[in-house]
C-alpha atoms as a PDB file:
ATOM      1  CA  MET A   1     120.193  87.371  70.818  1.00  0.00           C
ATOM      2  CA  ALA A   2     120.121  91.080  71.603  1.00  0.00           C
ATOM      3  CA  ARG A   3     117.898  92.110  74.423  1.00  0.00           C
ATOM      4  CA  ALA A   4     114.827  94.221  73.862  1.00  0.00           C
ATOM      5  CA  ALA A   5     115.494  97.964  73.748  1.00  0.00           C
ATOM      6  CA  PRO A   6     114.547  99.947  76.847  1.00  0.00           C
ATOM      7  CA  PRO A   7     111.089 101.482  76.578  1.00  0.00           C
ATOM      8  CA  THR A   8     110.771 105.074  75.475  1.00  0.00           C
ATOM      9  CA  LEU A   9     109.375 107.352  78.174  1.00  0.00           C
ATOM     10  CA  ALA A  10     106.375 108.059  75.963  1.00  0.00           C
ATOM     11  CA  ALA A  11     105.439 104.380  76.227  1.00  0.00           C
ATOM     12  CA  ALA A  12     106.511 103.925  79.847  1.00  0.00           C
ATOM     13  CA  ALA A  13     104.185 102.459  82.463  1.00  0.00           C
ATOM     14  CA  PHE A  14     105.067 103.577  85.988  1.00  0.00           C
ATOM     15  CA  ALA A  15     104.058 101.678  89.127  1.00  0.00           C
ATOM     16  CA  VAL A  16     104.857 102.691  92.702  1.00  0.00           C
ATOM     17  CA  LEU A  17     104.133  99.798  95.045  1.00  0.00           C
ATOM     18  CA  ALA A  18     103.704  99.711  98.788  1.00  0.00           C
ATOM     19  CA  ALA A  19     105.421  96.579 100.035  1.00  0.00           C
ATOM     20  CA  ALA A  20     102.450  96.175 102.370  1.00  0.00           C
ATOM     21  CA  GLY A  21     100.186  96.174  99.326  1.00  0.00           C
ATOM     22  CA  ALA A  22     102.196  93.373  97.784  1.00  0.00           C
ATOM     23  CA  LEU A  23     101.636  91.328 100.925  1.00  0.00           C
ATOM     24  CA  SER A  24      97.933  92.125 100.980  1.00  0.00           C
ATOM     25  CA  GLY A  25      97.644  91.193  97.342  1.00  0.00           C
ATOM     26  CA  ALA A  26      98.565  87.718  98.482  1.00  0.00           C
ATOM     27  CA  ALA A  27      95.938  87.823 101.252  1.00  0.00           C
ATOM     28  CA  ILE A  28      98.415  88.861 103.913  1.00  0.00           C
ATOM     29  CA  VAL A  29      97.371  91.814 106.053  1.00  0.00           C
ATOM     30  CA  ARG A  30      99.444  95.019 106.078  1.00  0.00           C
ATOM     31  CA  PRO A  31     101.820  96.393 107.180  1.00  0.00           C
ATOM     32  CA  LEU A  32     105.157  95.098 106.011  1.00  0.00           C
ATOM     33  CA  GLY A  33     107.416  96.105 108.856  1.00  0.00           C
ATOM     34  CA  GLY A  34     104.804  95.441 111.539  1.00  0.00           C
ATOM     35  CA  GLY A  35     103.945  92.195 113.292  1.00  0.00           C
ATOM     36  CA  ARG A  36     100.324  91.961 112.078  1.00  0.00           C
ATOM     37  CA  ALA A  37     101.396  90.726 108.665  1.00  0.00           C
ATOM     38  CA  LEU A  38     102.484  87.441 110.180  1.00  0.00           C
ATOM     39  CA  ALA A  39      99.216  86.888 111.966  1.00  0.00           C
ATOM     40  CA  SER A  40      97.089  86.652 108.843  1.00  0.00           C
ATOM     41  CA  ARG A  41      98.480  83.322 107.706  1.00  0.00           C
ATOM     42  CA  PRO A  42      99.803  80.295 109.568  1.00  0.00           C
ATOM     43  CA  ALA A  43     103.542  80.485 109.996  1.00  0.00           C
ATOM     44  CA  ALA A  44     104.806  78.324 107.171  1.00  0.00           C
ATOM     45  CA  GLY A  45     108.245  76.780 107.326  1.00  0.00           C
ATOM     46  CA  GLY A  46     110.431  77.460 104.330  1.00  0.00           C
ATOM     47  CA  ALA A  47     113.921  76.478 103.363  1.00  0.00           C
ATOM     48  CA  ALA A  48     116.010  75.434 106.338  1.00  0.00           C
ATOM     49  CA  GLY A  49     112.921  75.670 108.531  1.00  0.00           C
ATOM     50  CA  ARG A  50     112.736  79.477 108.344  1.00  0.00           C
ATOM     51  CA  GLN A  51     109.343  81.156 108.368  1.00  0.00           C
ATOM     52  CA  SER A  52     108.365  82.079 104.823  1.00  0.00           C
ATOM     53  CA  ASN A  53     104.630  82.842 104.739  1.00  0.00           C
ATOM     54  CA  ALA A  54     105.126  86.569 104.105  1.00  0.00           C
ATOM     55  CA  LEU A  55     107.988  85.962 101.683  1.00  0.00           C
ATOM     56  CA  VAL A  56     106.008  83.466  99.610  1.00  0.00           C
ATOM     57  CA  GLY A  57     102.949  85.698  99.313  1.00  0.00           C
ATOM     58  CA  PHE A  58     105.058  88.769  98.583  1.00  0.00           C
ATOM     59  CA  SER A  59     107.120  87.034  95.891  1.00  0.00           C
ATOM     60  CA  ARG A  60     104.130  85.464  94.171  1.00  0.00           C
ATOM     61  CA  PHE A  61     102.364  88.798  94.014  1.00  0.00           C
ATOM     62  CA  LEU A  62     105.366  90.650  92.574  1.00  0.00           C
ATOM     63  CA  VAL A  63     105.913  88.066  89.845  1.00  0.00           C
ATOM     64  CA  ASP A  64     102.226  87.944  88.963  1.00  0.00           C
ATOM     65  CA  TYR A  65     101.990  91.743  88.905  1.00  0.00           C
ATOM     66  CA  ALA A  66     105.009  92.055  86.617  1.00  0.00           C
ATOM     67  CA  LEU A  67     103.603  89.461  84.208  1.00  0.00           C
ATOM     68  CA  THR A  68     100.078  90.862  84.195  1.00  0.00           C
ATOM     69  CA  GLU A  69     100.622  94.623  84.281  1.00  0.00           C
ATOM     70  CA  GLU A  70     104.059  94.750  82.623  1.00  0.00           C
ATOM     71  CA  PRO A  71     105.219  98.008  84.229  1.00  0.00           C
ATOM     72  CA  THR A  72     108.335  99.454  82.638  1.00  0.00           C
ATOM     73  CA  HIS A  73     109.277 101.369  85.784  1.00  0.00           C
ATOM     74  CA  VAL A  74     108.771 100.183  89.348  1.00  0.00           C
ATOM     75  CA  ALA A  75     109.480 101.602  92.787  1.00  0.00           C
ATOM     76  CA  LEU A  76     108.858  99.285  95.719  1.00  0.00           C
ATOM     77  CA  CYS A  77     108.530 101.159  99.018  1.00  0.00           C
ATOM     78  CA  PHE A  78     109.223  99.480 102.357  1.00  0.00           C
ATOM     79  CA  ASP A  79     108.130 100.865 105.720  1.00  0.00           C
ATOM     80  CA  CYS A  80     111.135 100.709 108.014  1.00  0.00           C
ATOM     81  CA  SER A  81     110.577 103.894 110.002  1.00  0.00           C
ATOM     82  CA  GLY A  82     109.308 102.062 113.083  1.00  0.00           C
ATOM     83  CA  GLY A  83     109.314 104.121 116.239  1.00  0.00           C
ATOM     84  CA  SER A  84     111.387 106.896 114.684  1.00  0.00           C
ATOM     85  CA  ALA A  85     108.578 108.020 112.364  1.00  0.00           C
ATOM     86  CA  PHE A  86     108.344 111.823 112.570  1.00  0.00           C
ATOM     87  CA  ARG A  87     104.577 111.645 113.111  1.00  0.00           C
ATOM     88  CA  LYS A  88     105.113 110.013 116.489  1.00  0.00           C
ATOM     89  CA  LYS A  89     106.751 113.242 117.605  1.00  0.00           C
ATOM     90  CA  MET A  90     103.521 115.081 116.792  1.00  0.00           C
ATOM     91  CA  HIS A  91     101.232 112.498 118.405  1.00  0.00           C
ATOM     92  CA  ALA A  92     102.632 109.890 120.786  1.00  0.00           C
ATOM     93  CA  GLY A  93      99.700 107.574 120.164  1.00  0.00           C
ATOM     94  CA  TYR A  94     100.303 107.408 116.414  1.00  0.00           C
ATOM     95  CA  LYS A  95     100.380 103.737 115.337  1.00  0.00           C
ATOM     96  CA  SER A  96     100.702 102.713 118.966  1.00  0.00           C
ATOM     97  CA  ASN A  97      98.637  99.617 118.150  1.00  0.00           C
ATOM     98  CA  ARG A  98     101.438  98.150 116.053  1.00  0.00           C
ATOM     99  CA  PRO A  99     103.431  95.417 117.799  1.00  0.00           C
ATOM    100  CA  LYS A 100     107.170  95.415 117.370  1.00  0.00           C
ATOM    101  CA  ALA A 101     108.290  93.205 114.501  1.00  0.00           C
ATOM    102  CA  GLU A 102     109.894  89.987 115.721  1.00  0.00           C
ATOM    103  CA  ALA A 103     113.118  88.467 114.416  1.00  0.00           C
ATOM    104  CA  PRO A 104     111.479  85.810 112.172  1.00  0.00           C
ATOM    105  CA  PHE A 105     109.526  88.482 110.348  1.00  0.00           C
ATOM    106  CA  LEU A 106     112.523  90.791 110.014  1.00  0.00           C
ATOM    107  CA  ASP A 107     114.371  87.872 108.428  1.00  0.00           C
ATOM    108  CA  GLN A 108     111.545  87.538 105.910  1.00  0.00           C
ATOM    109  CA  LEU A 109     111.615  91.278 105.290  1.00  0.00           C
ATOM    110  CA  LYS A 110     115.304  91.075 104.397  1.00  0.00           C
ATOM    111  CA  ARG A 111     114.635  88.215 101.972  1.00  0.00           C
ATOM    112  CA  CYS A 112     111.704  90.108 100.419  1.00  0.00           C
ATOM    113  CA  LYS A 113     114.085  92.949  99.549  1.00  0.00           C
ATOM    114  CA  GLU A 114     116.655  90.520  98.157  1.00  0.00           C
ATOM    115  CA  PHE A 115     114.024  88.887  95.976  1.00  0.00           C
ATOM    116  CA  ALA A 116     112.654  92.207  94.701  1.00  0.00           C
ATOM    117  CA  ASP A 117     116.156  93.364  93.784  1.00  0.00           C
ATOM    118  CA  ALA A 118     116.904  90.094  91.998  1.00  0.00           C
ATOM    119  CA  LEU A 119     113.598  90.451  90.137  1.00  0.00           C
ATOM    120  CA  GLY A 120     114.796  93.804  88.827  1.00  0.00           C
ATOM    121  CA  MET A 121     112.739  96.145  90.990  1.00  0.00           C
ATOM    122  CA  LYS A 122     114.209  99.131  92.815  1.00  0.00           C
ATOM    123  CA  CYS A 123     113.505  99.222  96.568  1.00  0.00           C
ATOM    124  CA  PHE A 124     113.189 102.382  98.659  1.00  0.00           C
ATOM    125  CA  GLU A 125     113.048 102.825 102.433  1.00  0.00           C
ATOM    126  CA  SER A 126     113.669 105.459 105.097  1.00  0.00           C
ATOM    127  CA  LYS A 127     114.315 105.405 108.824  1.00  0.00           C
ATOM    128  CA  LYS A 128     112.459 108.683 109.317  1.00  0.00           C
ATOM    129  CA  PHE A 129     109.658 108.639 106.754  1.00  0.00           C
ATOM    130  CA  GLU A 130     107.010 106.016 106.125  1.00  0.00           C
ATOM    131  CA  ALA A 131     106.489 104.021 102.943  1.00  0.00           C
ATOM    132  CA  ASP A 132     103.448 106.171 102.107  1.00  0.00           C
ATOM    133  CA  ASP A 133     105.640 109.299 102.159  1.00  0.00           C
ATOM    134  CA  LEU A 134     108.106 107.610  99.818  1.00  0.00           C
ATOM    135  CA  ILE A 135     105.226 106.690  97.513  1.00  0.00           C
ATOM    136  CA  ALA A 136     103.974 110.285  97.494  1.00  0.00           C
ATOM    137  CA  THR A 137     107.473 111.602  96.744  1.00  0.00           C
ATOM    138  CA  LEU A 138     108.209 109.153  93.939  1.00  0.00           C
ATOM    139  CA  SER A 139     104.755 109.583  92.407  1.00  0.00           C
ATOM    140  CA  THR A 140     105.261 113.338  92.418  1.00  0.00           C
ATOM    141  CA  ALA A 141     108.563 112.872  90.576  1.00  0.00           C
ATOM    142  CA  VAL A 142     106.819 110.775  87.918  1.00  0.00           C
ATOM    143  CA  LEU A 143     103.927 113.209  87.483  1.00  0.00           C
ATOM    144  CA  SER A 144     106.272 116.204  87.299  1.00  0.00           C
ATOM    145  CA  LYS A 145     107.714 114.705  84.113  1.00  0.00           C
ATOM    146  CA  GLY A 146     104.266 114.411  82.554  1.00  0.00           C
ATOM    147  CA  HIS A 147     103.861 110.638  82.945  1.00  0.00           C
ATOM    148  CA  ARG A 148     101.016 108.529  84.262  1.00  0.00           C
ATOM    149  CA  CYS A 149     101.438 106.458  87.436  1.00  0.00           C
ATOM    150  CA  THR A 150      99.696 103.659  89.294  1.00  0.00           C
ATOM    151  CA  VAL A 151     100.054 103.409  93.070  1.00  0.00           C
ATOM    152  CA  VAL A 152      99.627  99.828  94.265  1.00  0.00           C
ATOM    153  CA  THR A 153      98.473  99.708  97.885  1.00  0.00           C
ATOM    154  CA  VAL A 154      95.722  98.490 100.209  1.00  0.00           C
ATOM    155  CA  ASP A 155      95.846 101.764 102.155  1.00  0.00           C
ATOM    156  CA  LYS A 156      92.904 103.920 101.102  1.00  0.00           C
ATOM    157  CA  ASP A 157      94.646 106.950 102.663  1.00  0.00           C
ATOM    158  CA  LEU A 158      96.757 107.058  99.509  1.00  0.00           C
ATOM    159  CA  CYS A 159      93.663 108.033  97.549  1.00  0.00           C
ATOM    160  CA  GLN A 160      94.669 111.573  98.506  1.00  0.00           C
ATOM    161  CA  LEU A 161      97.230 111.266  95.685  1.00  0.00           C
ATOM    162  CA  VAL A 162      94.671 110.497  92.967  1.00  0.00           C
ATOM    163  CA  GLU A 163      94.532 112.951  90.093  1.00  0.00           C
ATOM    164  CA  PRO A 164      93.918 112.666  86.320  1.00  0.00           C
ATOM    165  CA  ARG A 165      97.278 110.945  85.696  1.00  0.00           C
ATOM    166  CA  LEU A 166      97.463 108.895  88.901  1.00  0.00           C
ATOM    167  CA  SER A 167      95.199 106.060  90.023  1.00  0.00           C
ATOM    168  CA  VAL A 168      95.319 103.728  93.005  1.00  0.00           C
ATOM    169  CA  TYR A 169      95.079  99.957  92.614  1.00  0.00           C
ATOM    170  CA  ASP A 170      94.065  97.850  95.630  1.00  0.00           C
ATOM    171  CA  PRO A 171      95.448  94.344  94.975  1.00  0.00           C
ATOM    172  CA  ALA A 172      93.522  92.798  97.859  1.00  0.00           C
ATOM    173  CA  GLY A 173      90.108  93.855  96.594  1.00  0.00           C
ATOM    174  CA  GLY A 174      91.042  94.141  92.926  1.00  0.00           C
ATOM    175  CA  SER A 175      89.694  97.717  92.859  1.00  0.00           C
ATOM    176  CA  ARG A 176      91.091 100.669  90.935  1.00  0.00           C
ATOM    177  CA  TYR A 177      90.396 104.206  92.033  1.00  0.00           C
ATOM    178  CA  ASP A 178      90.453 107.166  89.720  1.00  0.00           C
ATOM    179  CA  GLU A 179      88.908 110.508  90.678  1.00  0.00           C
ATOM    180  CA  ALA A 180      85.356 109.264  90.121  1.00  0.00           C
ATOM    181  CA  GLY A 181      86.146 106.086  92.040  1.00  0.00           C
ATOM    182  CA  VAL A 182      87.322 108.059  95.066  1.00  0.00           C
ATOM    183  CA  VAL A 183      84.141 110.130  95.059  1.00  0.00           C
ATOM    184  CA  LYS A 184      82.043 106.970  94.817  1.00  0.00           C
ATOM    185  CA  LYS A 185      83.973 105.266  97.625  1.00  0.00           C
ATOM    186  CA  PHE A 186      84.297 108.155 100.091  1.00  0.00           C
ATOM    187  CA  GLY A 187      81.812 110.779  98.954  1.00  0.00           C
ATOM    188  CA  VAL A 188      84.588 113.381  98.679  1.00  0.00           C
ATOM    189  CA  LEU A 189      87.141 114.498  96.089  1.00  0.00           C
ATOM    190  CA  PRO A 190      90.713 113.122  96.278  1.00  0.00           C
ATOM    191  CA  CYS A 191      91.936 116.529  97.466  1.00  0.00           C
ATOM    192  CA  GLN A 192      89.477 116.290 100.377  1.00  0.00           C
ATOM    193  CA  VAL A 193      90.562 112.843 101.602  1.00  0.00           C
ATOM    194  CA  VAL A 194      92.950 114.331 104.186  1.00  0.00           C
ATOM    195  CA  ASP A 195      90.200 116.682 105.404  1.00  0.00           C
ATOM    196  CA  MET A 196      87.895 113.709 105.813  1.00  0.00           C
ATOM    197  CA  LEU A 197      90.562 111.853 107.779  1.00  0.00           C
ATOM    198  CA  GLY A 198      90.966 114.937 109.940  1.00  0.00           C
ATOM    199  CA  LEU A 199      87.294 114.629 110.845  1.00  0.00           C
ATOM    200  CA  VAL A 200      86.850 110.854 111.155  1.00  0.00           C
ATOM    201  CA  GLY A 201      90.402 109.770 111.986  1.00  0.00           C
ATOM    202  CA  ASP A 202      91.900 106.411 111.095  1.00  0.00           C
ATOM    203  CA  SER A 203      91.734 103.645 113.693  1.00  0.00           C
ATOM    204  CA  ALA A 204      94.308 101.562 111.806  1.00  0.00           C
ATOM    205  CA  ASP A 205      96.938 104.248 112.454  1.00  0.00           C
ATOM    206  CA  CYS A 206      95.518 105.521 115.768  1.00  0.00           C
ATOM    207  CA  ILE A 207      94.673 108.897 114.241  1.00  0.00           C
ATOM    208  CA  PRO A 208      91.927 110.153 116.580  1.00  0.00           C
ATOM    209  CA  GLY A 209      89.660 112.390 114.500  1.00  0.00           C
ATOM    210  CA  VAL A 210      86.713 114.265 116.000  1.00  0.00           C
ATOM    211  CA  ARG A 211      84.708 112.250 118.500  1.00  0.00           C
ATOM    212  CA  GLY A 212      81.145 111.765 117.243  1.00  0.00           C
ATOM    213  CA  ILE A 213      81.856 112.513 113.556  1.00  0.00           C
ATOM    214  CA  GLY A 214      81.495 109.529 111.228  1.00  0.00           C
ATOM    215  CA  PRO A 215      82.291 109.108 107.514  1.00  0.00           C
ATOM    216  CA  ARG A 216      78.797 109.996 106.304  1.00  0.00           C
ATOM    217  CA  THR A 217      78.627 113.229 108.306  1.00  0.00           C
ATOM    218  CA  ALA A 218      82.186 114.133 107.300  1.00  0.00           C
ATOM    219  CA  ALA A 219      81.346 113.634 103.620  1.00  0.00           C
ATOM    220  CA  GLN A 220      78.235 115.795 103.975  1.00  0.00           C
ATOM    221  CA  LEU A 221      80.253 118.555 105.613  1.00  0.00           C
ATOM    222  CA  LEU A 222      82.892 118.472 102.897  1.00  0.00           C
ATOM    223  CA  GLN A 223      80.237 118.591 100.214  1.00  0.00           C
ATOM    224  CA  GLN A 224      79.131 121.891 101.758  1.00  0.00           C
ATOM    225  CA  PHE A 225      82.598 123.243 102.628  1.00  0.00           C
ATOM    226  CA  LYS A 226      85.666 122.742 100.437  1.00  0.00           C
ATOM    227  CA  ASP A 227      88.023 121.703 103.237  1.00  0.00           C
ATOM    228  CA  LEU A 228      88.557 121.504 106.991  1.00  0.00           C
ATOM    229  CA  ASP A 229      89.527 125.159 107.199  1.00  0.00           C
ATOM    230  CA  ALA A 230      86.243 126.146 105.571  1.00  0.00           C
ATOM    231  CA  VAL A 231      84.297 123.843 107.901  1.00  0.00           C
ATOM    232  CA  TYR A 232      85.647 125.683 110.918  1.00  0.00           C
ATOM    233  CA  ALA A 233      85.368 129.097 109.296  1.00  0.00           C
ATOM    234  CA  GLY A 234      81.667 128.375 108.830  1.00  0.00           C
ATOM    235  CA  LEU A 235      81.139 126.511 112.086  1.00  0.00           C
ATOM    236  CA  ASP A 236      78.264 128.753 113.099  1.00  0.00           C
ATOM    237  CA  LYS A 237      76.376 127.683 109.966  1.00  0.00           C
ATOM    238  CA  VAL A 238      76.643 123.918 110.602  1.00  0.00           C
ATOM    239  CA  ALA A 239      73.521 123.798 112.775  1.00  0.00           C
ATOM    240  CA  THR A 240      71.478 125.158 109.850  1.00  0.00           C
ATOM    241  CA  LEU A 241      72.704 122.716 107.187  1.00  0.00           C
ATOM    242  CA  GLY A 242      69.964 120.157 107.624  1.00  0.00           C
ATOM    243  CA  LEU A 243      72.347 117.441 108.776  1.00  0.00           C
ATOM    244  CA  ARG A 244      70.958 114.769 111.042  1.00  0.00           C
ATOM    245  CA  GLY A 245      71.702 115.934 114.601  1.00  0.00           C
ATOM    246  CA  ALA A 246      73.188 119.167 113.217  1.00  0.00           C
ATOM    247  CA  ALA A 247      73.353 120.882 116.605  1.00  0.00           C
ATOM    248  CA  GLY A 248      75.268 117.941 118.053  1.00  0.00           C
ATOM    249  CA  VAL A 249      77.585 117.901 115.026  1.00  0.00           C
ATOM    250  CA  GLN A 250      78.359 121.570 115.552  1.00  0.00           C
ATOM    251  CA  LYS A 251      79.100 120.968 119.213  1.00  0.00           C
ATOM    252  CA  ALA A 252      81.334 117.990 118.440  1.00  0.00           C
ATOM    253  CA  LEU A 253      83.281 120.003 115.857  1.00  0.00           C
ATOM    254  CA  ALA A 254      83.777 122.869 118.288  1.00  0.00           C
ATOM    255  CA  ALA A 255      85.084 120.526 120.974  1.00  0.00           C
ATOM    256  CA  GLY A 256      87.378 118.665 118.596  1.00  0.00           C
ATOM    257  CA  GLN A 257      88.891 121.485 116.568  1.00  0.00           C
ATOM    258  CA  ASP A 258      92.490 120.987 117.683  1.00  0.00           C
ATOM    259  CA  ILE A 259      92.219 117.228 117.231  1.00  0.00           C
ATOM    260  CA  ALA A 260      90.746 117.684 113.745  1.00  0.00           C
ATOM    261  CA  PHE A 261      93.679 119.742 112.500  1.00  0.00           C
ATOM    262  CA  LEU A 262      96.220 117.459 114.196  1.00  0.00           C
ATOM    263  CA  SER A 263      94.575 114.433 112.602  1.00  0.00           C
ATOM    264  CA  ARG A 264      94.668 116.031 109.165  1.00  0.00           C
ATOM    265  CA  THR A 265      98.352 116.790 109.589  1.00  0.00           C
ATOM    266  CA  LEU A 266      99.057 113.190 110.610  1.00  0.00           C
ATOM    267  CA  ALA A 267      97.170 111.882 107.572  1.00  0.00           C
ATOM    268  CA  THR A 268      98.810 114.231 105.074  1.00  0.00           C
ATOM    269  CA  LEU A 269     101.628 112.616 103.106  1.00  0.00           C
ATOM    270  CA  GLU A 270     105.048 114.184 102.669  1.00  0.00           C
ATOM    271  CA  HIS A 271     105.928 114.776  99.008  1.00  0.00           C
ATOM    272  CA  ASN A 272     109.554 115.843  99.434  1.00  0.00           C
ATOM    273  CA  VAL A 273     111.311 112.959 101.124  1.00  0.00           C
ATOM    274  CA  PRO A 274     115.063 112.940 100.387  1.00  0.00           C
ATOM    275  CA  VAL A 275     115.497 109.587  98.658  1.00  0.00           C
ATOM    276  CA  GLN A 276     118.410 108.309  96.637  1.00  0.00           C
ATOM    277  CA  LYS A 277     117.913 107.647  92.935  1.00  0.00           C
ATOM    278  CA  ALA A 278     114.407 109.072  92.986  1.00  0.00           C
ATOM    279  CA  SER A 279     114.777 109.890  89.311  1.00  0.00           C
ATOM    280  CA  ILE A 280     112.737 108.146  86.642  1.00  0.00           C
ATOM    281  CA  ARG A 281     115.852 106.366  85.404  1.00  0.00           C
ATOM    282  CA  GLY A 282     116.373 104.864  88.855  1.00  0.00           C
ATOM    283  CA  MET A 283     112.903 103.292  88.692  1.00  0.00           C
ATOM    284  CA  LEU A 284     113.468 101.485  85.384  1.00  0.00           C
ATOM    285  CA  ARG A 285     112.631  97.798  85.821  1.00  0.00           C
ATOM    286  CA  ARG A 286     115.645  95.613  85.091  1.00  0.00           C
ATOM    287  CA  ARG A 287     115.853  92.101  83.719  1.00  0.00           C
ATOM    288  CA  PRO A 288     115.676  89.494  86.516  1.00  0.00           C
ATOM    289  CA  SER A 289     119.237  88.594  87.480  1.00  0.00           C
ATOM    290  CA  SER A 290     120.889  85.572  85.928  1.00  0.00           C
ATOM    291  CA  ASP A 291     121.265  83.896  89.331  1.00  0.00           C
ATOM    292  CA  ILE A 292     117.687  84.478  90.506  1.00  0.00           C
ATOM    293  CA  HIS A 293     116.881  80.772  90.161  1.00  0.00           C
ATOM    294  CA  THR A 294     119.583  80.023  92.722  1.00  0.00           C
ATOM    295  CA  LEU A 295     117.827  82.490  95.018  1.00  0.00           C
ATOM    296  CA  LEU A 296     114.501  80.756  94.369  1.00  0.00           C
ATOM    297  CA  ASP A 297     116.048  77.470  95.483  1.00  0.00           C
ATOM    298  CA  GLU A 298     117.590  79.064  98.562  1.00  0.00           C
ATOM    299  CA  PHE A 299     114.295  80.701  99.571  1.00  0.00           C
ATOM    300  CA  GLY A 300     112.120  77.687  98.812  1.00  0.00           C
ATOM    301  CA  LEU A 301     110.378  79.472  95.940  1.00  0.00           C
ATOM    302  CA  GLN A 302     111.048  76.927  93.205  1.00  0.00           C
ATOM    303  CA  SER A 303     107.379  77.010  92.145  1.00  0.00           C
ATOM    304  CA  LEU A 304     107.977  80.496  90.721  1.00  0.00           C
ATOM    305  CA  GLY A 305     110.774  79.322  88.436  1.00  0.00           C
ATOM    306  CA  ARG A 306     108.686  79.029  85.277  1.00  0.00           C
ATOM    307  CA  GLN A 307     107.083  82.458  85.728  1.00  0.00           C
ATOM    308  CA  VAL A 308     110.426  84.114  86.432  1.00  0.00           C
ATOM    309  CA  SER A 309     111.838  82.531  83.277  1.00  0.00           C
ATOM    310  CA  ARG A 310     108.933  84.065  81.343  1.00  0.00           C
ATOM    311  CA  LEU A 311     109.860  87.467  82.720  1.00  0.00           C
ATOM    312  CA  GLN A 312     113.473  86.967  81.665  1.00  0.00           C
ATOM    313  CA  ARG A 313     112.422  85.972  78.136  1.00  0.00           C
ATOM    314  CA  ARG A 314     110.171  89.009  77.822  1.00  0.00           C
ATOM    315  CA  MET A 315     113.009  91.320  78.842  1.00  0.00           C
ATOM    316  CA  ASP A 316     115.152  89.587  76.178  1.00  0.00           C
ATOM    317  CA  GLY A 317     112.479  90.213  73.549  1.00  0.00           C
ATOM    318  CA  LEU A 318     111.588  86.529  73.299  1.00  0.00           C
ATOM    319  CA  PRO A 319     108.077  84.962  73.368  1.00  0.00           C
END
């Protein structure tokens, strides 16, 4: 029987996934590429006694997501920049809390990529740029063609990408963030998320922020001023805004000005990463390979066989 025709772009559903988000969707803590992901579940032995906890959670999430959301185009972004990330050159402490990935996890990472490819999903990675930068770049490519896009991630920093045609889906919490959702969650507009991170920092990535400025105060400041530049341009007015401890806030801002702008730069995603096959055609989801069931046996993922077969039938236009 002839396979189903490729979807027209007018009916396309684009999804850009952070590999870390796929892990977190299976209750495994981010990041993929860092050692913490292994610590969130007991190390389970897979085929041939190899650790497979991350692989199992990752694979289950991808299959479930494909069946439930049925994206026509998928880009799966892996974070492999490690110590060469360009942000470390700006701030030596950036992500200094991340332990080096050990060999058992790197083995799982390799198998995760093999599984994703066999499932028909295009993988992207960079030695210089982080997965979030790849996501920003690919999402920009999708939006530039007039399409809608869903970013799948547990990293709320990516809410800076939200706009009318782009939403963020957090698979761990099951939350979806559009523009109104970002305002409700953070108290600021999506375009102000990086300014907020400049003020409060991000402990997960060791982005310092301004000492003494918390999320509530940052949101109040950005409701009065449109961005970080405006906050500092109007610094002499902060003490008169009616903020709790306004004089202390003004003093903290003055002392932390350089750190605030550095932190915003660290939190701002790069939208022009040179990636291969970043075109829409390169993101088209393919039919799972004919030998994927052999891979399931090799990886100890036989329990996914029935679901993978359903995906293959759907791509063939069968019920």
